[in-house]
């Protein structure tokens, strides 16, 4: 049984269509996040309470800071790009699914070696036409997992030897043995299963104790799981059903930022969830870890 429950507070009533992919940039003290359907990149400054948005011309699945400078690497509807924030200039790197117009990129994250992992999903149906890709710092790209329906949350264990991954419709978090030097994965197994009636797993964060914080689309919550036992330790209530992702941030890494969506909700549901699509935050009592940036 869960030992605790927390409730997240609204900090930005953005009413984004599909907010996703929060990443805390400790260098600037700001939260990077995206609105996939709104085709926007956002920078939220918690000190000033301000949010800057940058409009793009295609859906943006994930954005991660680059290790050098203030640029970003993006997983867009049409492949991987570098992005210069100052000039708002995109530089295309690779589009591995140019021949799959029904697919788009979704969630993405970097490992400690500075590789950018991002996956795709079929926008038209739940056919497993997606995949998970790894963009190396040198710009080379490889496919790591095939036959994916909706590529979502990613994370790594504290020792970097395990990679966690979510293909949402499976309602599972799986683990792979991870070989950090080559970024190779093997030995797939299930470590967490989301109970029936609680929606599906979406984005994910790993805390400083190695526990998994999993956003539940349709579940009104972020749950904390022990990947060694598969046990839920507790959860954060969110006053919006479509909870999409989460990331640790703040000066002490003890604040969990949570993104939500309005997509898929009826007018009646939106009346009941006026802050759907907002950005939420909660003090967790545990600390996260610094995000990894793209080293290319």
Protein backbone atom coordinates (compact mmCIF):
# COMPACT_ATOMS: atom_id res chain seq x y z
CA UNK A 1 0.00 0.00 0.00
CA UNK A 2 1.07 3.58 -0.64
CA UNK A 3 2.67 5.25 2.33
CA UNK A 4 2.03 8.86 1.28
CA UNK A 5 0.01 11.21 -0.89
CA UNK A 6 0.89 14.74 -1.98
CA UNK A 7 -1.03 17.34 -4.01
CA UNK A 8 0.54 19.44 -6.75
CA UNK A 9 -0.12 23.18 -7.00
CA UNK A 10 -0.72 25.13 -10.20
CA UNK A 11 2.15 27.50 -11.01
CA UNK A 12 1.44 28.39 -14.65
CA UNK A 13 -2.09 28.36 -16.09
CA UNK A 14 -0.91 28.05 -19.70
CA UNK A 15 -3.80 25.91 -21.00
CA UNK A 16 -1.37 24.22 -23.36
CA UNK A 17 -2.82 21.66 -25.75
CA UNK A 18 -0.21 19.01 -24.94
CA UNK A 19 2.51 20.20 -22.57
CA UNK A 20 5.36 17.70 -22.22
CA UNK A 21 9.05 17.07 -21.67
CA UNK A 22 10.03 19.26 -18.69
CA UNK A 23 13.80 19.62 -18.23
CA UNK A 24 15.39 21.69 -15.46
CA UNK A 25 18.36 23.73 -16.74
CA UNK A 26 20.41 24.33 -13.60
CA UNK A 27 22.67 26.78 -15.48
CA UNK A 28 19.84 29.26 -16.03
CA UNK A 29 17.54 28.21 -13.17
CA UNK A 30 14.70 27.78 -15.67
CA UNK A 31 12.44 24.94 -16.75
CA UNK A 32 12.43 23.99 -20.42
CA UNK A 33 9.19 22.37 -21.61
CA UNK A 34 7.24 21.96 -24.84
CA UNK A 35 3.67 22.12 -26.10
CA UNK A 36 3.65 19.38 -28.74
CA UNK A 37 0.40 20.28 -30.48
CA UNK A 38 0.89 24.01 -29.96
CA UNK A 39 4.28 23.67 -31.70
CA UNK A 40 6.00 25.73 -29.02
CA UNK A 41 9.11 25.58 -26.86
CA UNK A 42 8.75 27.20 -23.43
CA UNK A 43 11.19 28.53 -20.83
CA UNK A 44 9.63 29.02 -17.38
CA UNK A 45 11.45 31.22 -14.84
CA UNK A 46 10.14 30.33 -11.35
CA UNK A 47 11.84 33.32 -9.72
CA UNK A 48 10.20 35.87 -12.00
CA UNK A 49 7.08 33.77 -12.57
CA UNK A 50 7.45 34.38 -16.31
CA UNK A 51 7.24 32.05 -19.28
CA UNK A 52 8.81 32.69 -22.70
CA UNK A 53 7.47 30.71 -25.64
CA UNK A 54 9.00 30.21 -29.07
CA UNK A 55 6.70 29.27 -31.95
CA UNK A 56 7.83 26.59 -34.39
CA UNK A 57 6.23 25.37 -37.64
CA UNK A 58 5.94 21.69 -36.70
CA UNK A 59 5.09 19.64 -33.64
CA UNK A 60 7.91 19.35 -31.12
CA UNK A 61 8.12 16.09 -29.18
CA UNK A 62 11.10 16.88 -26.97
CA UNK A 63 13.70 19.58 -26.36
CA UNK A 64 16.93 19.20 -24.38
CA UNK A 65 19.69 21.77 -23.76
CA UNK A 66 23.06 21.32 -25.43
CA UNK A 67 26.05 20.94 -23.12
CA UNK A 68 27.88 23.87 -24.77
CA UNK A 69 26.26 27.26 -25.30
CA UNK A 70 22.55 27.96 -24.91
CA UNK A 71 21.23 25.98 -27.87
CA UNK A 72 18.89 23.00 -27.85
CA UNK A 73 18.53 19.66 -29.57
CA UNK A 74 14.96 18.93 -30.68
CA UNK A 75 13.00 15.85 -31.67
CA UNK A 76 10.47 17.39 -34.03
CA UNK A 77 7.66 16.00 -36.13
CA UNK A 78 10.16 15.77 -38.99
CA UNK A 79 13.25 14.47 -37.24
CA UNK A 80 16.17 15.68 -35.17
CA UNK A 81 17.27 19.31 -35.29
CA UNK A 82 19.64 21.68 -33.53
CA UNK A 83 18.07 24.96 -32.44
CA UNK A 84 19.75 28.31 -31.82
CA UNK A 85 17.66 30.14 -29.23
CA UNK A 86 19.07 33.59 -30.02
CA UNK A 87 18.35 33.44 -33.76
CA UNK A 88 15.54 30.83 -33.55
CA UNK A 89 17.30 29.00 -36.40
CA UNK A 90 16.78 25.28 -36.95
CA UNK A 91 19.51 23.02 -38.33
CA UNK A 92 18.27 19.63 -39.51
CA UNK A 93 20.33 16.61 -38.49
CA UNK A 94 18.31 13.55 -39.53
CA UNK A 95 14.74 12.46 -40.27
CA UNK A 96 14.68 8.67 -39.88
CA UNK A 97 10.94 8.36 -40.50
CA UNK A 98 10.46 10.64 -43.50
CA UNK A 99 8.64 7.74 -45.17
CA UNK A 100 6.17 7.36 -42.29
CA UNK A 101 3.98 10.51 -42.48
CA UNK A 102 1.57 9.21 -39.81
CA UNK A 103 4.38 9.11 -37.23
CA UNK A 104 5.85 11.92 -35.15
CA UNK A 105 8.50 12.14 -32.46
CA UNK A 106 7.37 12.13 -28.84
CA UNK A 107 9.40 12.04 -25.61
CA UNK A 108 13.20 12.23 -25.44
CA UNK A 109 16.03 12.45 -22.91
CA UNK A 110 19.83 12.43 -22.73
CA UNK A 111 22.06 9.89 -21.00
CA UNK A 112 25.23 10.71 -19.06
CA UNK A 113 27.37 10.33 -22.18
CA UNK A 114 25.39 13.14 -23.84
CA UNK A 115 23.45 10.91 -26.25
CA UNK A 116 19.92 12.07 -27.09
CA UNK A 117 17.36 9.26 -26.97
CA UNK A 118 13.95 9.98 -28.52
CA UNK A 119 11.13 7.86 -29.91
CA UNK A 120 8.16 8.04 -32.21
CA UNK A 121 4.47 7.17 -32.25
CA UNK A 122 1.67 6.72 -34.77
CA UNK A 123 -0.66 9.75 -34.60
CA UNK A 124 -3.50 8.08 -36.50
CA UNK A 125 -3.90 4.84 -34.53
CA UNK A 126 -2.16 2.57 -32.07
CA UNK A 127 -0.30 0.50 -34.66
CA UNK A 128 3.26 -0.26 -33.47
CA UNK A 129 4.98 1.65 -36.28
CA UNK A 130 7.15 3.72 -33.92
CA UNK A 131 10.70 3.22 -32.72
CA UNK A 132 13.26 4.49 -30.22
CA UNK A 133 16.33 6.18 -31.66
CA UNK A 134 19.68 7.23 -30.25
CA UNK A 135 21.37 10.38 -31.58
CA UNK A 136 25.07 10.22 -30.79
CA UNK A 137 27.07 13.37 -29.94
CA UNK A 138 28.82 13.05 -33.33
CA UNK A 139 25.45 13.33 -35.08
CA UNK A 140 25.18 9.68 -36.11
CA UNK A 141 21.81 8.06 -35.55
CA UNK A 142 20.74 4.49 -34.84
CA UNK A 143 17.47 2.69 -34.15
CA UNK A 144 17.52 0.96 -30.75
CA UNK A 145 13.98 -0.45 -30.36
CA UNK A 146 11.42 -1.25 -33.06
CA UNK A 147 7.70 -2.07 -33.01
CA UNK A 148 6.73 0.75 -30.62
CA UNK A 149 3.16 2.09 -30.33
CA UNK A 150 3.78 5.28 -28.33
CA UNK A 151 7.37 5.92 -27.28
CA UNK A 152 7.40 7.75 -23.98
CA UNK A 153 9.26 8.04 -20.67
CA UNK A 154 13.00 7.38 -20.35
CA UNK A 155 15.37 7.23 -17.41
CA UNK A 156 18.54 5.65 -16.08
CA UNK A 157 19.50 4.04 -12.79
CA UNK A 158 21.92 5.80 -10.44
CA UNK A 159 24.84 3.65 -11.58
CA UNK A 160 23.96 4.16 -15.26
CA UNK A 161 23.76 0.40 -15.86
CA UNK A 162 19.97 0.21 -16.32
CA UNK A 163 17.77 2.10 -18.77
CA UNK A 164 14.04 2.44 -18.07
CA UNK A 165 11.58 2.88 -20.92
CA UNK A 166 7.83 3.27 -21.45
CA UNK A 167 5.75 2.28 -24.47
CA UNK A 168 2.51 3.76 -23.14
CA UNK A 169 -0.22 1.33 -24.32
CA UNK A 170 1.59 -1.60 -22.66
CA UNK A 171 0.89 0.03 -19.25
CA UNK A 172 4.41 -1.06 -18.27
CA UNK A 173 7.80 0.36 -17.43
CA UNK A 174 10.48 -1.94 -18.77
CA UNK A 175 14.16 -2.06 -17.89
CA UNK A 176 17.16 -2.90 -20.05
CA UNK A 177 20.73 -3.62 -19.06
CA UNK A 178 22.65 -0.55 -20.23
CA UNK A 179 26.24 -0.48 -21.38
CA UNK A 180 27.28 3.17 -20.89
CA UNK A 181 30.35 3.19 -23.12
CA UNK A 182 28.47 2.08 -26.24
CA UNK A 183 24.92 3.00 -25.21
CA UNK A 184 23.89 -0.59 -25.88
CA UNK A 185 20.75 -2.16 -24.38
CA UNK A 186 19.90 -5.81 -23.68
CA UNK A 187 17.90 -8.12 -21.38
CA UNK A 188 14.46 -6.49 -21.49
CA UNK A 189 12.18 -7.10 -18.49
CA UNK A 190 9.11 -5.49 -16.91
CA UNK A 191 9.65 -3.65 -13.59
CA UNK A 192 6.38 -1.71 -13.10
CA UNK A 193 2.81 -2.31 -14.27
CA UNK A 194 0.19 0.47 -14.00
CA UNK A 195 -3.05 -0.89 -12.46
CA UNK A 196 -6.21 -1.10 -14.59
CA UNK A 197 -8.37 2.01 -14.42
CA UNK A 198 -5.48 4.39 -13.71
CA UNK A 199 -4.76 5.48 -17.26
CA UNK A 200 -1.46 4.75 -18.99
CA UNK A 201 2.15 5.61 -18.14
CA UNK A 202 3.55 8.67 -19.90
CA UNK A 203 6.70 10.63 -19.00
CA UNK A 204 9.04 9.65 -16.18
CA UNK A 205 11.75 10.95 -13.83
CA UNK A 206 14.28 9.08 -11.68
CA UNK A 207 15.04 10.54 -8.23
CA UNK A 208 18.30 10.57 -6.27
CA UNK A 209 17.35 7.32 -4.53
CA UNK A 210 16.72 5.48 -7.81
CA UNK A 211 12.92 5.50 -7.57
CA UNK A 212 10.75 6.08 -10.66
CA UNK A 213 8.21 8.92 -10.81
CA UNK A 214 5.74 8.08 -13.57
CA UNK A 215 3.09 10.45 -14.97
CA UNK A 216 -0.24 8.72 -15.62
CA UNK A 217 -2.21 9.93 -18.65
CA UNK A 218 -5.86 9.66 -17.69
CA UNK A 219 -4.87 8.91 -14.09
CA UNK A 220 -4.85 12.34 -12.38
CA UNK A 221 -1.48 11.57 -10.77
CA UNK A 222 2.24 10.99 -10.76
CA UNK A 223 3.11 7.76 -8.92
CA UNK A 224 6.43 6.89 -7.29
CA UNK A 225 7.58 3.29 -7.83
CA UNK A 226 10.41 1.13 -6.58
CA UNK A 227 11.78 -0.56 -9.74
CA UNK A 228 13.43 -3.30 -7.68
CA UNK A 229 10.14 -4.52 -6.19
CA UNK A 230 7.50 -3.09 -8.54
CA UNK A 231 5.80 -1.55 -5.49
CA UNK A 232 4.15 1.87 -5.51
CA UNK A 233 5.48 3.99 -2.64
CA UNK A 234 3.05 6.88 -2.95
CA UNK A 235 1.63 9.37 -5.43
CA UNK A 236 1.07 13.05 -6.21
CA UNK A 237 -2.49 14.13 -6.94
CA UNK A 238 -2.79 16.45 -9.95
CA UNK A 239 -6.01 18.43 -10.62
CA UNK A 240 -5.94 17.46 -14.31
CA UNK A 241 -6.56 14.00 -15.78
CA UNK A 242 -4.04 14.03 -18.63
CA UNK A 243 -0.76 14.07 -16.69
CA UNK A 244 2.04 13.89 -19.24
CA UNK A 245 5.48 14.10 -17.62
CA UNK A 246 7.57 15.28 -14.68
CA UNK A 247 11.07 16.46 -13.83
CA UNK A 248 12.95 17.39 -10.69
CA UNK A 249 14.23 20.95 -10.42
CA UNK A 250 14.64 23.97 -8.21
CA UNK A 251 17.78 25.15 -6.39
CA UNK A 252 17.84 22.00 -4.22
CA UNK A 253 16.43 19.58 -6.83
CA UNK A 254 13.53 18.79 -4.47
CA UNK A 255 10.70 20.26 -6.54
CA UNK A 256 8.83 18.06 -8.98
CA UNK A 257 7.53 19.96 -12.01
CA UNK A 258 4.54 18.29 -13.69
CA UNK A 259 3.12 18.92 -17.17
CA UNK A 260 -0.50 18.26 -18.23
CA UNK A 261 -2.64 18.38 -21.37
CA UNK A 262 -6.04 19.48 -22.66
CA UNK A 263 -5.92 17.17 -25.69
CA UNK A 264 -8.59 14.47 -25.64
CA UNK A 265 -10.86 16.24 -23.16
CA UNK A 266 -14.48 17.17 -23.94
CA UNK A 267 -15.90 20.64 -23.28
CA UNK A 268 -17.64 19.24 -20.21
CA UNK A 269 -14.39 17.75 -18.91
CA UNK A 270 -12.55 21.04 -19.50
CA UNK A 271 -15.14 22.82 -17.34
CA UNK A 272 -14.36 20.32 -14.58
CA UNK A 273 -10.60 20.68 -15.18
CA UNK A 274 -10.09 24.42 -15.76
CA UNK A 275 -6.33 24.18 -15.27
CA UNK A 276 -5.72 21.26 -17.65
CA UNK A 277 -2.73 22.09 -19.81
CA UNK A 278 -1.10 23.92 -16.91
CA UNK A 279 2.27 23.49 -15.25
CA UNK A 280 2.20 22.16 -11.68
CA UNK A 281 4.78 21.74 -8.91
CA UNK A 282 5.14 19.89 -5.61
CA UNK A 283 7.82 19.61 -2.93
CA UNK A 284 8.53 15.90 -2.76
CA UNK A 285 10.78 15.49 0.28
CA UNK A 286 13.31 13.71 -1.93
CA UNK A 287 15.85 15.12 -4.35
CA UNK A 288 16.24 14.48 -8.03
CA UNK A 289 19.43 14.58 -10.07
CA UNK A 290 20.78 17.12 -12.56
CA UNK A 291 19.49 16.57 -16.09
CA UNK A 292 21.94 15.38 -18.73
CA UNK A 293 22.44 17.59 -21.80
CA UNK A 294 23.26 16.80 -25.43
CA UNK A 295 27.01 16.72 -26.00
CA UNK A 296 26.86 17.42 -29.73
